[in-house]
Amino acid sequence: MERIELSKRGKQILLALYKGEYQGQVPDEDYEEFNLLEVQGLVHAVKTKGANRCEMHAPRLTDEGLAYVAANPRLKNPSIWDDKKYIINTIISVVALAVAIIALFK
């Protein structure tokens, strides 16, 4: 599963939902972060229209969110080095192959 770049508060929300410690309604300060997590497909909540704003009730992790937390329990953000180590290994392998072919024909 592909890792997603999460903010500190986003990680806290995901862990709280995973542990069942998140409240029954999304607080105002978490509204924007919860929307971002919802766009990424990790969480879902029932939206109702209030007097002057939209409210989110019954927040929960989606199946994709559960899988993401299970696959990445520390919720570590992706690193550029995760991809670079494979590129470096490939380059080393190609160079070693070239050296072996050169040595074979000498």
N, C-alpha and C. Protein backbone atom coordinates (compact mmCIF):
# COMPACT_ATOMS: atom_id res chain seq x y z
N MET A 1 0.84 -1.18 0.00
CA MET A 1 0.00 0.00 0.00
C MET A 1 0.88 1.24 0.00
N GLU A 2 0.51 2.18 -0.79
CA GLU A 2 1.26 3.43 -0.93
C GLU A 2 1.12 4.27 0.33
N ARG A 3 2.23 4.82 0.79
CA ARG A 3 2.20 5.68 1.97
C ARG A 3 1.71 7.07 1.59
N ILE A 4 1.00 7.69 2.51
CA ILE A 4 0.42 9.01 2.29
C ILE A 4 1.07 9.99 3.26
N GLU A 5 1.36 11.19 2.79
CA GLU A 5 1.93 12.24 3.63
C GLU A 5 0.83 12.76 4.56
N LEU A 6 1.01 12.60 5.87
CA LEU A 6 0.01 13.02 6.85
C LEU A 6 0.60 14.08 7.76
N SER A 7 -0.25 15.00 8.20
CA SER A 7 0.18 15.99 9.18
C SER A 7 0.15 15.34 10.57
N LYS A 8 0.71 16.03 11.53
CA LYS A 8 0.76 15.51 12.90
C LYS A 8 -0.67 15.29 13.43
N ARG A 9 -1.54 16.26 13.19
CA ARG A 9 -2.92 16.14 13.66
C ARG A 9 -3.66 15.03 12.92
N GLY A 10 -3.38 14.87 11.63
CA GLY A 10 -3.99 13.80 10.86
C GLY A 10 -3.63 12.43 11.43
N LYS A 11 -2.36 12.28 11.82
CA LYS A 11 -1.93 11.02 12.44
C LYS A 11 -2.66 10.78 13.75
N GLN A 12 -2.82 11.84 14.55
CA GLN A 12 -3.51 11.71 15.83
C GLN A 12 -4.97 11.30 15.63
N ILE A 13 -5.61 11.88 14.63
CA ILE A 13 -7.01 11.55 14.35
C ILE A 13 -7.12 10.09 13.92
N LEU A 14 -6.26 9.64 13.02
CA LEU A 14 -6.30 8.24 12.56
C LEU A 14 -6.08 7.27 13.71
N LEU A 15 -5.09 7.55 14.56
CA LEU A 15 -4.83 6.65 15.68
C LEU A 15 -5.98 6.63 16.68
N ALA A 16 -6.57 7.80 16.94
CA ALA A 16 -7.71 7.87 17.86
C ALA A 16 -8.90 7.09 17.31
N LEU A 17 -9.16 7.21 16.01
CA LEU A 17 -10.25 6.45 15.40
C LEU A 17 -9.96 4.95 15.44
N TYR A 18 -8.70 4.58 15.19
CA TYR A 18 -8.30 3.17 15.18
C TYR A 18 -8.48 2.55 16.57
N LYS A 19 -8.15 3.33 17.62
CA LYS A 19 -8.25 2.83 18.99
C LYS A 19 -9.66 3.00 19.57
N GLY A 20 -10.54 3.68 18.83
CA GLY A 20 -11.90 3.91 19.32
C GLY A 20 -11.99 5.00 20.36
N GLU A 21 -11.03 5.90 20.38
CA GLU A 21 -10.98 6.97 21.39
C GLU A 21 -11.45 8.32 20.86
N TYR A 22 -11.89 8.37 19.60
CA TYR A 22 -12.32 9.65 19.02
C TYR A 22 -13.78 9.89 19.36
N GLN A 23 -14.13 11.13 19.60
CA GLN A 23 -15.49 11.46 20.00
C GLN A 23 -16.50 11.24 18.87
N GLY A 24 -17.78 11.32 19.19
CA GLY A 24 -18.84 11.02 18.25
C GLY A 24 -19.10 12.09 17.21
N GLN A 25 -18.52 13.27 17.39
CA GLN A 25 -18.69 14.35 16.42
C GLN A 25 -17.32 14.98 16.17
N VAL A 26 -17.06 15.33 14.93
CA VAL A 26 -15.77 15.95 14.59
C VAL A 26 -15.78 17.39 15.10
N PRO A 27 -14.83 17.74 15.99
CA PRO A 27 -14.78 19.11 16.50
C PRO A 27 -14.39 20.11 15.41
N ASP A 28 -14.72 21.36 15.62
CA ASP A 28 -14.45 22.41 14.64
C ASP A 28 -12.97 22.50 14.28
N GLU A 29 -12.08 22.32 15.25
CA GLU A 29 -10.65 22.45 14.98
C GLU A 29 -10.11 21.30 14.12
N ASP A 30 -10.83 20.18 14.07
CA ASP A 30 -10.40 19.04 13.26
C ASP A 30 -11.11 18.98 11.91
N TYR A 31 -12.01 19.89 11.64
CA TYR A 31 -12.85 19.82 10.45
C TYR A 31 -12.03 19.77 9.15
N GLU A 32 -11.08 20.69 8.99
CA GLU A 32 -10.29 20.74 7.75
C GLU A 32 -9.42 19.50 7.60
N GLU A 33 -8.77 19.10 8.68
CA GLU A 33 -7.90 17.92 8.62
C GLU A 33 -8.72 16.66 8.34
N PHE A 34 -9.90 16.57 8.93
CA PHE A 34 -10.77 15.42 8.69
C PHE A 34 -11.21 15.38 7.23
N ASN A 35 -11.51 16.54 6.66
CA ASN A 35 -11.87 16.60 5.24
C ASN A 35 -10.74 16.10 4.35
N LEU A 36 -9.50 16.48 4.66
CA LEU A 36 -8.35 15.99 3.89
C LEU A 36 -8.22 14.48 3.98
N LEU A 37 -8.41 13.94 5.18
CA LEU A 37 -8.35 12.48 5.36
C LEU A 37 -9.48 11.80 4.60
N GLU A 38 -10.62 12.46 4.55
CA GLU A 38 -11.77 11.88 3.84
C GLU A 38 -11.52 11.88 2.32
N VAL A 39 -10.92 12.94 1.80
CA VAL A 39 -10.59 13.00 0.38
C VAL A 39 -9.59 11.91 0.02
N GLN A 40 -8.68 11.60 0.93
CA GLN A 40 -7.69 10.54 0.70
C GLN A 40 -8.31 9.15 0.88
N GLY A 41 -9.55 9.09 1.35
CA GLY A 41 -10.25 7.82 1.46
C GLY A 41 -9.96 7.04 2.73
N LEU A 42 -9.40 7.70 3.75
CA LEU A 42 -9.04 6.99 4.98
C LEU A 42 -10.13 7.02 6.04
N VAL A 43 -10.97 8.05 6.03
CA VAL A 43 -12.03 8.20 7.03
C VAL A 43 -13.35 8.57 6.37
N HIS A 44 -14.42 8.45 7.13
CA HIS A 44 -15.74 8.84 6.65
C HIS A 44 -16.57 9.30 7.84
N ALA A 45 -17.46 10.24 7.59
CA ALA A 45 -18.39 10.71 8.62
C ALA A 45 -19.70 11.10 7.96
N VAL A 46 -20.76 11.06 8.75
CA VAL A 46 -22.08 11.47 8.26
C VAL A 46 -22.15 12.99 8.38
N LYS A 47 -22.48 13.66 7.28
CA LYS A 47 -22.54 15.13 7.28
C LYS A 47 -23.99 15.59 7.37
N THR A 48 -24.21 16.54 8.26
CA THR A 48 -25.52 17.17 8.39
C THR A 48 -25.34 18.67 8.29
N LYS A 49 -26.36 19.33 7.77
CA LYS A 49 -26.29 20.78 7.63
C LYS A 49 -26.88 21.42 8.87
N GLY A 50 -26.03 22.18 9.58
CA GLY A 50 -26.47 22.88 10.78
C GLY A 50 -27.01 24.25 10.43
N ALA A 51 -27.17 25.09 11.44
CA ALA A 51 -27.71 26.43 11.25
C ALA A 51 -26.85 27.26 10.30
N ASN A 52 -25.55 27.27 10.53
CA ASN A 52 -24.68 28.08 9.68
C ASN A 52 -23.43 27.33 9.20
N ARG A 53 -23.37 26.04 9.42
CA ARG A 53 -22.22 25.26 8.96
C ARG A 53 -22.59 23.79 8.86
N CYS A 54 -21.71 23.05 8.22
CA CYS A 54 -21.89 21.61 8.07
C CYS A 54 -21.26 20.91 9.27
N GLU A 55 -21.93 19.92 9.82
CA GLU A 55 -21.41 19.17 10.95
C GLU A 55 -21.14 17.73 10.53
N MET A 56 -20.14 17.13 11.15
CA MET A 56 -19.78 15.74 10.86
C MET A 56 -20.02 14.90 12.11
N HIS A 57 -20.80 13.84 11.93
CA HIS A 57 -21.12 12.95 13.05
C HIS A 57 -20.64 11.53 12.73
N ALA A 58 -20.49 10.73 13.74
CA ALA A 58 -20.13 9.32 13.63
C ALA A 58 -18.90 9.10 12.76
N PRO A 59 -17.77 9.73 13.11
CA PRO A 59 -16.57 9.51 12.31
C PRO A 59 -16.06 8.08 12.47
N ARG A 60 -15.54 7.53 11.37
CA ARG A 60 -15.02 6.16 11.42
C ARG A 60 -13.94 6.00 10.35
N LEU A 61 -13.11 4.98 10.53
CA LEU A 61 -12.12 4.64 9.51
C LEU A 61 -12.80 3.84 8.41
N THR A 62 -12.41 4.08 7.18
CA THR A 62 -12.90 3.26 6.08
C THR A 62 -12.07 1.97 6.05
N ASP A 63 -12.44 1.05 5.17
CA ASP A 63 -11.65 -0.17 5.03
C ASP A 63 -10.23 0.16 4.60
N GLU A 64 -10.09 1.14 3.71
CA GLU A 64 -8.77 1.57 3.27
C GLU A 64 -7.98 2.18 4.43
N GLY A 65 -8.66 2.93 5.29
CA GLY A 65 -8.01 3.52 6.46
C GLY A 65 -7.53 2.45 7.44
N LEU A 66 -8.35 1.44 7.66
CA LEU A 66 -7.96 0.33 8.53
C LEU A 66 -6.74 -0.39 7.95
N ALA A 67 -6.75 -0.63 6.66
CA ALA A 67 -5.63 -1.30 6.01
C ALA A 67 -4.37 -0.44 6.09
N TYR A 68 -4.53 0.87 5.94
CA TYR A 68 -3.38 1.78 5.99
C TYR A 68 -2.74 1.76 7.37
N VAL A 69 -3.55 1.83 8.42
CA VAL A 69 -3.03 1.82 9.79
C VAL A 69 -2.41 0.46 10.11
N ALA A 70 -3.02 -0.62 9.61
CA ALA A 70 -2.47 -1.95 9.85
C ALA A 70 -1.13 -2.12 9.14
N ALA A 71 -1.00 -1.59 7.93
CA ALA A 71 0.24 -1.73 7.16
C ALA A 71 1.33 -0.76 7.64
N ASN A 72 0.94 0.35 8.22
CA ASN A 72 1.88 1.38 8.66
C ASN A 72 1.48 1.83 10.07
N PRO A 73 1.66 0.97 11.09
CA PRO A 73 1.13 1.28 12.43
C PRO A 73 1.75 2.51 13.08
N ARG A 74 2.97 2.86 12.69
CA ARG A 74 3.59 4.07 13.26
C ARG A 74 3.21 5.31 12.46
N LEU A 75 2.47 5.12 11.37
CA LEU A 75 2.03 6.20 10.48
C LEU A 75 3.21 7.07 10.03
N LYS A 76 4.29 6.39 9.67
CA LYS A 76 5.49 7.08 9.22
C LYS A 76 5.25 7.64 7.82
N ASN A 77 5.58 8.92 7.64
CA ASN A 77 5.43 9.56 6.33
C ASN A 77 6.46 9.01 5.35
N PRO A 78 6.14 9.02 4.06
CA PRO A 78 7.09 8.52 3.08
C PRO A 78 8.36 9.38 3.04
N SER A 79 9.45 8.74 2.73
CA SER A 79 10.73 9.43 2.67
C SER A 79 11.30 9.32 1.26
N ILE A 80 12.04 10.31 0.85
CA ILE A 80 12.66 10.26 -0.47
C ILE A 80 13.68 9.13 -0.51
N TRP A 81 14.24 8.76 0.62
CA TRP A 81 15.24 7.68 0.67
C TRP A 81 14.62 6.32 0.44
N ASP A 82 13.32 6.18 0.67
CA ASP A 82 12.66 4.90 0.42
C ASP A 82 12.79 4.50 -1.04
N ASP A 83 12.66 5.45 -1.94
CA ASP A 83 12.78 5.16 -3.37
C ASP A 83 14.23 5.17 -3.83
N LYS A 84 15.04 6.04 -3.26
CA LYS A 84 16.42 6.17 -3.70
C LYS A 84 17.25 4.91 -3.44
N LYS A 85 16.96 4.21 -2.35
CA LYS A 85 17.77 3.02 -2.07
C LYS A 85 17.59 1.96 -3.16
N TYR A 86 16.40 1.86 -3.74
CA TYR A 86 16.19 0.92 -4.84
C TYR A 86 16.91 1.37 -6.11
N ILE A 87 16.92 2.67 -6.34
CA ILE A 87 17.61 3.21 -7.51
C ILE A 87 19.12 2.97 -7.37
N ILE A 88 19.65 3.23 -6.18
CA ILE A 88 21.08 3.02 -5.94
C ILE A 88 21.44 1.54 -6.11
N ASN A 89 20.61 0.65 -5.57
CA ASN A 89 20.86 -0.79 -5.71
C ASN A 89 20.84 -1.20 -7.18
N THR A 90 19.94 -0.66 -7.94
CA THR A 90 19.86 -0.98 -9.37
C THR A 90 21.11 -0.50 -10.10
N ILE A 91 21.55 0.72 -9.81
CA ILE A 91 22.76 1.25 -10.44
C ILE A 91 23.97 0.39 -10.10
N ILE A 92 24.10 0.01 -8.85
CA ILE A 92 25.22 -0.85 -8.44
C ILE A 92 25.17 -2.18 -9.17
N SER A 93 23.99 -2.74 -9.30
CA SER A 93 23.85 -4.02 -10.00
C SER A 93 24.23 -3.91 -11.47
N VAL A 94 23.82 -2.84 -12.12
CA VAL A 94 24.14 -2.63 -13.54
C VAL A 94 25.64 -2.45 -13.71
N VAL A 95 26.27 -1.67 -12.83
CA VAL A 95 27.72 -1.47 -12.89
C VAL A 95 28.45 -2.80 -12.68
N ALA A 96 28.01 -3.58 -11.71
CA ALA A 96 28.63 -4.88 -11.46
C ALA A 96 28.47 -5.81 -12.67
N LEU A 97 27.32 -5.77 -13.31
CA LEU A 97 27.10 -6.57 -14.50
C LEU A 97 28.03 -6.13 -15.64
N ALA A 98 28.19 -4.83 -15.81
CA ALA A 98 29.08 -4.31 -16.84
C ALA A 98 30.52 -4.72 -16.57
N VAL A 99 30.95 -4.64 -15.33
CA VAL A 99 32.32 -5.05 -14.97
C VAL A 99 32.49 -6.54 -15.23
N ALA A 100 31.51 -7.34 -14.91
CA ALA A 100 31.60 -8.78 -15.14
C ALA A 100 31.69 -9.10 -16.64
N ILE A 101 30.92 -8.39 -17.46
CA ILE A 101 30.95 -8.62 -18.91
C ILE A 101 32.30 -8.20 -19.48
N ILE A 102 32.83 -7.06 -19.03
CA ILE A 102 34.14 -6.59 -19.48
C ILE A 102 35.22 -7.60 -19.08
N ALA A 103 35.16 -8.09 -17.85
CA ALA A 103 36.15 -9.07 -17.38
C ALA A 103 36.04 -10.38 -18.16
N LEU A 104 34.85 -10.72 -18.59
CA LEU A 104 34.64 -11.96 -19.33
C LEU A 104 35.32 -11.92 -20.71
N PHE A 105 35.29 -10.78 -21.36
CA PHE A 105 35.85 -10.65 -22.70
C PHE A 105 37.33 -10.28 -22.74
N LYS A 106 37.95 -10.02 -21.60
CA LYS A 106 39.39 -9.68 -21.60
C LYS A 106 40.22 -10.90 -21.56
